[in-house]
Amino acid sequence: MQKDKQMDIIADYYMALGKYSPNEKYSESNVRVYTSPDSDCWLVLERKGENAIQARMTDETGKIISWDNYEVMNVAVKQIEAIRVSVSGRSEILFTPAELRVIERYGDLDRNTTRGKLDILLERFKDDGTKKSAQAVIDKLGRISDKSYADLYSVRQRKMENEKEFSMENRFKVAREKAEKHNAEVKNLVVERRKGKGIVL
């Protein structure tokens, strides 16, 4: 059940990119295939190990254009890399977790706007690691298509939204459990006091 939940969480990141629905014909025990009635593009989620899931997307011709690798532990999902095919189609561009965080924090849906923004911020970054990652993002975004970047950005944004929702749900759950425990303790205390005074309930 837990493994199904992990696949569900990751699949949700990509649903905004197309009207994907599970395709039972091509799915297997460790591979989930999603297809869209609007295009011939596929989304494939494959379990690569106990704690690893890879999400691949194809274009209309069936060529794989992106690979996203995730590390999963219970319902915690961490993206460890994103790979996109270059505009020329002859190379694969790898984005590291640090570079993905730069896109998450400073990115925009438009690829050129993101490059321009990072170019302006480059000299303002005090941390050398962030500066190095930002420069790498600028260079790499120059080698992938607008659509490829927009898909990458949208998936990252949806992942962030899910994590916020999950975090809030957890906070509400903990607060509710504390309140219920407190109310039960108060109720027990009242009952004990009444018994002590000889009041029959």
Protein backbone atom coordinates (compact mmCIF):
# COMPACT_ATOMS: atom_id res chain seq x y z
CA MET A 1 0.00 0.00 0.00
CA GLN A 2 2.84 2.35 0.91
CA LYS A 3 4.52 1.73 -2.45
CA ASP A 4 1.30 2.58 -4.32
CA LYS A 5 1.10 5.83 -2.34
CA GLN A 6 4.66 6.74 -3.37
CA MET A 7 3.73 6.28 -7.05
CA ASP A 8 0.51 8.29 -6.53
CA ILE A 9 2.43 11.21 -5.01
CA ILE A 10 4.94 11.37 -7.87
CA ALA A 11 2.28 10.86 -10.57
CA ASP A 12 0.38 13.87 -9.21
CA TYR A 13 3.37 16.14 -9.94
CA TYR A 14 2.93 15.49 -13.67
CA MET A 15 -0.85 15.55 -14.05
CA ALA A 16 -0.93 19.28 -14.85
CA LEU A 17 1.25 18.67 -17.93
CA GLY A 18 -1.48 16.75 -19.75
CA LYS A 19 -4.70 14.87 -19.24
CA TYR A 20 -2.88 11.71 -18.25
CA SER A 21 -4.70 8.61 -17.08
CA PRO A 22 -3.35 5.18 -16.12
CA ASN A 23 -2.99 2.75 -19.01
CA GLU A 24 -3.50 -0.76 -17.63
CA LYS A 25 -2.58 -2.39 -20.95
CA TYR A 26 1.07 -1.32 -20.73
CA SER A 27 1.48 -1.13 -16.94
CA GLU A 28 3.17 -3.88 -14.93
CA SER A 29 3.80 -4.53 -11.23
CA ASN A 30 6.74 -2.11 -10.97
CA VAL A 31 5.90 0.10 -13.95
CA ARG A 32 2.98 2.48 -14.28
CA VAL A 33 2.19 3.89 -17.71
CA TYR A 34 0.04 6.98 -18.20
CA THR A 35 -1.23 8.09 -21.59
CA SER A 36 -3.17 11.12 -22.77
CA PRO A 37 -6.09 11.23 -25.21
CA ASP A 38 -4.87 14.65 -26.38
CA SER A 39 -1.44 13.48 -27.54
CA ASP A 40 0.72 10.42 -28.07
CA CYS A 41 3.00 11.46 -25.18
CA TRP A 42 3.56 8.94 -22.40
CA LEU A 43 4.42 9.32 -18.72
CA VAL A 44 6.11 6.24 -17.26
CA LEU A 45 6.84 5.71 -13.57
CA GLU A 46 9.20 2.84 -12.82
CA ARG A 47 10.40 1.55 -9.49
CA LYS A 48 14.19 1.24 -9.82
CA GLY A 49 14.78 -0.19 -6.35
CA GLU A 50 13.28 -0.32 -2.88
CA ASN A 51 13.74 3.43 -2.42
CA ALA A 52 13.99 4.71 -6.00
CA ILE A 53 11.41 5.71 -8.60
CA GLN A 54 12.12 7.16 -12.05
CA ALA A 55 9.61 9.26 -14.00
CA ARG A 56 10.12 9.36 -17.79
CA MET A 57 8.24 11.37 -20.38
CA THR A 58 8.13 10.85 -24.12
CA ASP A 59 7.23 13.16 -26.99
CA GLU A 60 4.62 12.35 -29.65
CA THR A 61 7.11 10.17 -31.54
CA GLY A 62 7.80 7.97 -28.50
CA LYS A 63 11.29 9.41 -27.89
CA ILE A 64 12.18 9.87 -24.20
CA ILE A 65 12.71 13.58 -23.53
CA SER A 66 13.03 13.64 -19.75
CA TRP A 67 14.08 11.50 -16.79
CA ASP A 68 13.39 12.52 -13.21
CA ASN A 69 14.89 10.35 -10.47
CA TYR A 70 13.36 10.29 -6.99
CA GLU A 71 14.45 8.83 -3.69
CA VAL A 72 11.47 7.67 -1.62
CA MET A 73 11.21 6.78 2.04
CA ASN A 74 7.70 6.04 3.31
CA VAL A 75 5.74 9.02 1.92
CA ALA A 76 8.78 11.36 1.84
CA VAL A 77 9.82 12.04 -1.77
CA LYS A 78 13.13 13.67 -2.69
CA GLN A 79 14.15 14.48 -6.25
CA ILE A 80 17.80 13.59 -6.73
CA GLU A 81 18.19 14.69 -10.36
CA ALA A 82 16.36 15.84 -13.47
CA ILE A 83 17.58 15.10 -16.98
CA ARG A 84 16.34 16.87 -20.11
CA VAL A 85 17.20 16.31 -23.76
CA SER A 86 18.95 19.30 -25.35
CA VAL A 87 17.36 21.32 -28.16
CA SER A 88 19.70 19.64 -30.64
CA GLY A 89 18.57 16.24 -29.36
CA ARG A 90 22.18 15.07 -29.22
CA SER A 91 22.87 15.45 -25.50
CA GLU A 92 21.26 15.07 -22.11
CA ILE A 93 21.32 17.96 -19.64
CA LEU A 94 21.49 16.94 -15.96
CA PHE A 95 20.16 19.23 -13.22
CA THR A 96 21.47 18.53 -9.70
CA PRO A 97 19.40 18.97 -6.50
CA ALA A 98 21.19 22.30 -5.82
CA GLU A 99 20.34 23.54 -9.33
CA LEU A 100 16.72 22.41 -8.95
CA ARG A 101 16.50 24.41 -5.68
CA VAL A 102 17.74 27.52 -7.54
CA ILE A 103 14.98 27.05 -10.15
CA GLU A 104 12.44 26.48 -7.37
CA ARG A 105 13.43 29.62 -5.49
CA TYR A 106 14.24 32.08 -8.26
CA GLY A 107 12.63 30.57 -11.34
CA ASP A 108 9.74 31.73 -13.46
CA LEU A 109 7.54 29.77 -15.85
CA ASP A 110 9.34 31.44 -18.78
CA ARG A 111 12.83 30.09 -19.47
CA ASN A 112 14.35 33.37 -20.71
CA THR A 113 12.87 35.34 -17.81
CA THR A 114 14.49 32.87 -15.40
CA ARG A 115 17.86 33.19 -17.14
CA GLY A 116 17.64 37.00 -17.06
CA LYS A 117 16.65 37.05 -13.39
CA LEU A 118 19.49 34.73 -12.40
CA ASP A 119 21.96 36.77 -14.48
CA ILE A 120 21.00 39.89 -12.50
CA LEU A 121 21.16 38.06 -9.15
CA LEU A 122 24.46 36.32 -9.89
CA GLU A 123 26.70 39.02 -8.39
CA ARG A 124 24.41 39.45 -5.39
CA PHE A 125 24.73 35.87 -4.18
CA LYS A 126 27.11 35.83 -1.21
CA ASP A 127 27.28 32.04 -1.03
CA ASP A 128 29.71 30.58 -3.61
CA GLY A 129 27.70 27.35 -3.84
CA THR A 130 24.50 29.19 -4.78
CA LYS A 131 26.38 31.37 -7.25
CA LYS A 132 27.95 28.32 -8.89
CA SER A 133 24.55 26.54 -9.11
CA ALA A 134 22.87 29.65 -10.52
CA GLN A 135 25.55 29.98 -13.23
CA ALA A 136 25.12 26.31 -14.10
CA VAL A 137 21.33 26.80 -14.39
CA ILE A 138 21.82 29.80 -16.71
CA ASP A 139 24.10 27.74 -18.95
CA LYS A 140 21.88 24.65 -18.95
CA LEU A 141 18.66 26.57 -19.62
CA GLY A 142 20.34 27.91 -22.75
CA ARG A 143 20.54 24.33 -24.04
CA ILE A 144 16.97 23.08 -23.51
CA SER A 145 13.68 24.11 -25.13
CA ASP A 146 11.06 26.46 -23.69
CA LYS A 147 8.60 23.57 -23.30
CA SER A 148 11.16 21.32 -21.65
CA TYR A 149 11.93 24.03 -19.11
CA ALA A 150 8.23 24.90 -18.56
CA ASP A 151 7.50 21.22 -17.82
CA LEU A 152 10.44 21.02 -15.40
CA TYR A 153 9.35 24.21 -13.62
CA SER A 154 5.68 23.11 -13.39
CA VAL A 155 6.62 19.72 -11.91
CA ARG A 156 8.83 21.39 -9.29
CA GLN A 157 6.08 23.88 -8.39
CA ARG A 158 3.50 21.10 -8.00
CA LYS A 159 5.95 19.14 -5.83
CA MET A 160 6.38 22.18 -3.57
CA GLU A 161 2.60 22.68 -3.33
CA ASN A 162 2.09 19.03 -2.38
CA GLU A 163 4.76 19.23 0.31
CA LYS A 164 3.15 22.36 1.79
CA GLU A 165 -0.30 20.72 1.78
CA PHE A 166 1.12 17.56 3.38
CA SER A 167 2.97 19.63 6.00
CA MET A 168 -0.19 21.57 6.88
CA GLU A 169 -2.25 18.38 7.09
CA ASN A 170 0.35 16.92 9.45
CA ARG A 171 0.35 20.06 11.61
CA PHE A 172 -3.46 20.00 11.82
CA LYS A 173 -3.39 16.30 12.67
CA VAL A 174 -0.84 16.81 15.48
CA ALA A 175 -2.81 19.82 16.82
CA ARG A 176 -6.07 17.84 16.73
CA GLU A 177 -4.48 14.88 18.54
CA LYS A 178 -3.07 17.22 21.23
CA ALA A 179 -6.46 18.89 21.68
CA GLU A 180 -8.23 15.52 21.94
CA LYS A 181 -5.67 14.29 24.47
CA HIS A 182 -5.99 17.50 26.50
CA ASN A 183 -9.81 17.29 26.45
CA ALA A 184 -9.71 13.65 27.59
CA GLU A 185 -7.32 14.54 30.45
CA VAL A 186 -9.56 17.43 31.56
CA LYS A 187 -12.64 15.20 31.43
CA ASN A 188 -10.90 12.51 33.51
CA LEU A 189 -9.78 15.13 36.03
CA VAL A 190 -13.36 16.42 36.42
CA VAL A 191 -14.66 12.86 36.89
CA GLU A 192 -12.01 12.12 39.55
CA ARG A 193 -12.85 15.34 41.44
CA ARG A 194 -16.55 14.55 41.43
CA LYS A 195 -15.86 11.03 42.71
CA GLY A 196 -13.68 12.50 45.43
CA LYS A 197 -16.55 14.73 46.54
CA GLY A 198 -18.95 11.79 46.54
CA ILE A 199 -20.93 13.04 43.57
CA VAL A 200 -22.66 10.23 41.76
CA LEU A 201 -22.43 10.56 37.95
